[in-house]
Amino acid sequence: MTKLIKATISISILFLLSFYIFQVNSLSKEIYLIENYEKQLNQLSEENEALEINFSKVNSLKNIVSYIETQNFERVNKIKYIRILETLVVLR
């Protein structure tokens, strides 16, 4: 009977040890993935900031004015509005 108990205890210890090793391995893999994702997130955040700065430089008022000048637009001297008489009605 003692051999059966020893064998059961030995098998239980081996099972628990194997399960422990599996859990530690899984945990290590998850920690590595999280660190990798954090590095990617930081890299993308820095890239996003650089793109926002470039976007604001490209769309600055100075660039818009120079674009307008190169497209042969002209300044408006006097604005004339069209008056619409409300008393007239069109009938068919």
C-alpha atoms as a PDB file:
ATOM      1  CA  MET A   1       0.000   0.000   0.000  1.00  0.00           C
ATOM      2  CA  THR A   2       2.865   2.393   0.685  1.00  0.00           C
ATOM      3  CA  LYS A   3       4.257   1.825  -2.815  1.00  0.00           C
ATOM      4  CA  LEU A   4       0.918   2.891  -4.283  1.00  0.00           C
ATOM      5  CA  ILE A   5       0.877   6.058  -2.169  1.00  0.00           C
ATOM      6  CA  LYS A   6       4.490   6.860  -3.099  1.00  0.00           C
ATOM      7  CA  ALA A   7       3.736   6.301  -6.780  1.00  0.00           C
ATOM      8  CA  THR A   8       0.628   8.529  -6.573  1.00  0.00           C
ATOM      9  CA  ILE A   9       2.568  11.252  -4.795  1.00  0.00           C
ATOM     10  CA  SER A  10       5.416  11.025  -7.324  1.00  0.00           C
ATOM     11  CA  ILE A  11       3.014  11.243 -10.277  1.00  0.00           C
ATOM     12  CA  SER A  12       1.207  14.169  -8.631  1.00  0.00           C
ATOM     13  CA  ILE A  13       4.494  16.001  -8.058  1.00  0.00           C
ATOM     14  CA  LEU A  14       5.587  15.426 -11.649  1.00  0.00           C
ATOM     15  CA  PHE A  15       2.217  16.627 -12.945  1.00  0.00           C
ATOM     16  CA  LEU A  16       2.277  19.755 -10.773  1.00  0.00           C
ATOM     17  CA  LEU A  17       5.894  20.476 -11.743  1.00  0.00           C
ATOM     18  CA  SER A  18       5.042  20.125 -15.429  1.00  0.00           C
ATOM     19  CA  PHE A  19       2.012  22.350 -15.013  1.00  0.00           C
ATOM     20  CA  TYR A  20       4.142  24.953 -13.178  1.00  0.00           C
ATOM     21  CA  ILE A  21       6.747  24.964 -15.962  1.00  0.00           C
ATOM     22  CA  PHE A  22       3.989  25.352 -18.564  1.00  0.00           C
ATOM     23  CA  GLN A  23       2.481  28.315 -16.683  1.00  0.00           C
ATOM     24  CA  VAL A  24       5.847  30.048 -16.255  1.00  0.00           C
ATOM     25  CA  ASN A  25       6.561  29.579 -19.961  1.00  0.00           C
ATOM     26  CA  SER A  26       3.171  31.011 -20.934  1.00  0.00           C
ATOM     27  CA  LEU A  27       3.592  33.936 -18.576  1.00  0.00           C
ATOM     28  CA  SER A  28       7.053  34.706 -19.968  1.00  0.00           C
ATOM     29  CA  LYS A  29       5.715  34.658 -23.510  1.00  0.00           C
ATOM     30  CA  GLU A  30       2.857  37.020 -22.606  1.00  0.00           C
ATOM     31  CA  ILE A  31       5.228  39.448 -20.869  1.00  0.00           C
ATOM     32  CA  TYR A  32       7.486  39.467 -23.934  1.00  0.00           C
ATOM     33  CA  LEU A  33       4.519  40.171 -26.230  1.00  0.00           C
ATOM     34  CA  ILE A  34       3.273  42.998 -24.008  1.00  0.00           C
ATOM     35  CA  GLU A  35       6.720  44.637 -23.987  1.00  0.00           C
ATOM     36  CA  ASN A  36       6.926  44.276 -27.761  1.00  0.00           C
ATOM     37  CA  TYR A  37       3.479  45.851 -28.195  1.00  0.00           C
ATOM     38  CA  GLU A  38       4.438  48.724 -25.896  1.00  0.00           C
ATOM     39  CA  LYS A  39       7.556  49.392 -27.991  1.00  0.00           C
ATOM     40  CA  GLN A  40       5.454  49.380 -31.159  1.00  0.00           C
ATOM     41  CA  LEU A  41       2.928  51.712 -29.534  1.00  0.00           C
ATOM     42  CA  ASN A  42       5.658  54.165 -28.517  1.00  0.00           C
ATOM     43  CA  GLN A  43       7.164  54.037 -32.001  1.00  0.00           C
ATOM     44  CA  LEU A  44       3.787  54.679 -33.637  1.00  0.00           C
ATOM     45  CA  SER A  45       3.073  57.534 -31.213  1.00  0.00           C
ATOM     46  CA  GLU A  46       6.368  59.219 -32.111  1.00  0.00           C
ATOM     47  CA  GLU A  47       5.678  58.692 -35.805  1.00  0.00           C
ATOM     48  CA  ASN A  48       2.187  60.159 -35.368  1.00  0.00           C
ATOM     49  CA  GLU A  49       3.581  63.260 -33.683  1.00  0.00           C
ATOM     50  CA  ALA A  50       6.078  63.743 -36.521  1.00  0.00           C
ATOM     51  CA  LEU A  51       3.294  63.382 -39.084  1.00  0.00           C
ATOM     52  CA  GLU A  52       1.124  65.905 -37.250  1.00  0.00           C
ATOM     53  CA  ILE A  53       3.996  68.410 -37.257  1.00  0.00           C
ATOM     54  CA  ASN A  54       4.599  67.865 -40.964  1.00  0.00           C
ATOM     55  CA  PHE A  55       0.883  68.213 -41.676  1.00  0.00           C
ATOM     56  CA  SER A  56       0.703  71.525 -39.837  1.00  0.00           C
ATOM     57  CA  LYS A  57       3.765  72.788 -41.722  1.00  0.00           C
ATOM     58  CA  VAL A  58       2.300  71.818 -45.084  1.00  0.00           C
ATOM     59  CA  ASN A  59      -1.060  73.415 -44.336  1.00  0.00           C
ATOM     60  CA  SER A  60       0.301  76.641 -42.951  1.00  0.00           C
ATOM     61  CA  LEU A  61      -1.131  79.912 -44.218  1.00  0.00           C
ATOM     62  CA  LYS A  62       2.135  80.827 -45.913  1.00  0.00           C
ATOM     63  CA  ASN A  63       2.027  77.713 -48.066  1.00  0.00           C
ATOM     64  CA  ILE A  64      -1.598  78.311 -48.946  1.00  0.00           C
ATOM     65  CA  VAL A  65      -0.853  81.879 -50.047  1.00  0.00           C
ATOM     66  CA  SER A  66       2.063  80.740 -52.210  1.00  0.00           C
ATOM     67  CA  TYR A  67      -0.150  78.043 -53.731  1.00  0.00           C
ATOM     68  CA  ILE A  68      -2.806  80.616 -54.590  1.00  0.00           C
ATOM     69  CA  GLU A  69      -0.201  82.830 -56.237  1.00  0.00           C
ATOM     70  CA  THR A  70       1.113  79.967 -58.380  1.00  0.00           C
ATOM     71  CA  GLN A  71      -2.412  79.091 -59.546  1.00  0.00           C
ATOM     72  CA  ASN A  72      -2.994  82.569 -61.032  1.00  0.00           C
ATOM     73  CA  PHE A  73      -5.827  83.538 -58.723  1.00  0.00           C
ATOM     74  CA  GLU A  74      -6.645  87.229 -58.516  1.00  0.00           C
ATOM     75  CA  ARG A  75      -7.649  89.381 -55.582  1.00  0.00           C
ATOM     76  CA  VAL A  76     -11.229  90.594 -55.499  1.00  0.00           C
ATOM     77  CA  ASN A  77     -11.525  94.370 -55.671  1.00  0.00           C
ATOM     78  CA  LYS A  78     -15.225  94.900 -55.151  1.00  0.00           C
ATOM     79  CA  ILE A  79     -17.927  92.432 -54.219  1.00  0.00           C
ATOM     80  CA  LYS A  80     -21.287  92.731 -55.961  1.00  0.00           C
ATOM     81  CA  TYR A  81     -24.324  90.906 -54.661  1.00  0.00           C
ATOM     82  CA  ILE A  82     -27.332  89.795 -56.682  1.00  0.00           C
ATOM     83  CA  ARG A  83     -30.656  91.032 -55.362  1.00  0.00           C
ATOM     84  CA  ILE A  84     -33.572  88.659 -55.529  1.00  0.00           C
ATOM     85  CA  LEU A  85     -37.012  90.224 -55.356  1.00  0.00           C
ATOM     86  CA  GLU A  86     -39.250  88.268 -53.065  1.00  0.00           C
ATOM     87  CA  THR A  87     -42.466  89.576 -54.586  1.00  0.00           C
ATOM     88  CA  LEU A  88     -42.043  87.767 -57.879  1.00  0.00           C
ATOM     89  CA  VAL A  89     -43.308  84.227 -58.261  1.00  0.00           C
ATOM     90  CA  VAL A  90     -42.669  81.975 -61.211  1.00  0.00           C
ATOM     91  CA  LEU A  91     -45.709  80.144 -62.583  1.00  0.00           C
ATOM     92  CA  ARG A  92     -45.919  77.406 -65.180  1.00  0.00           C
END
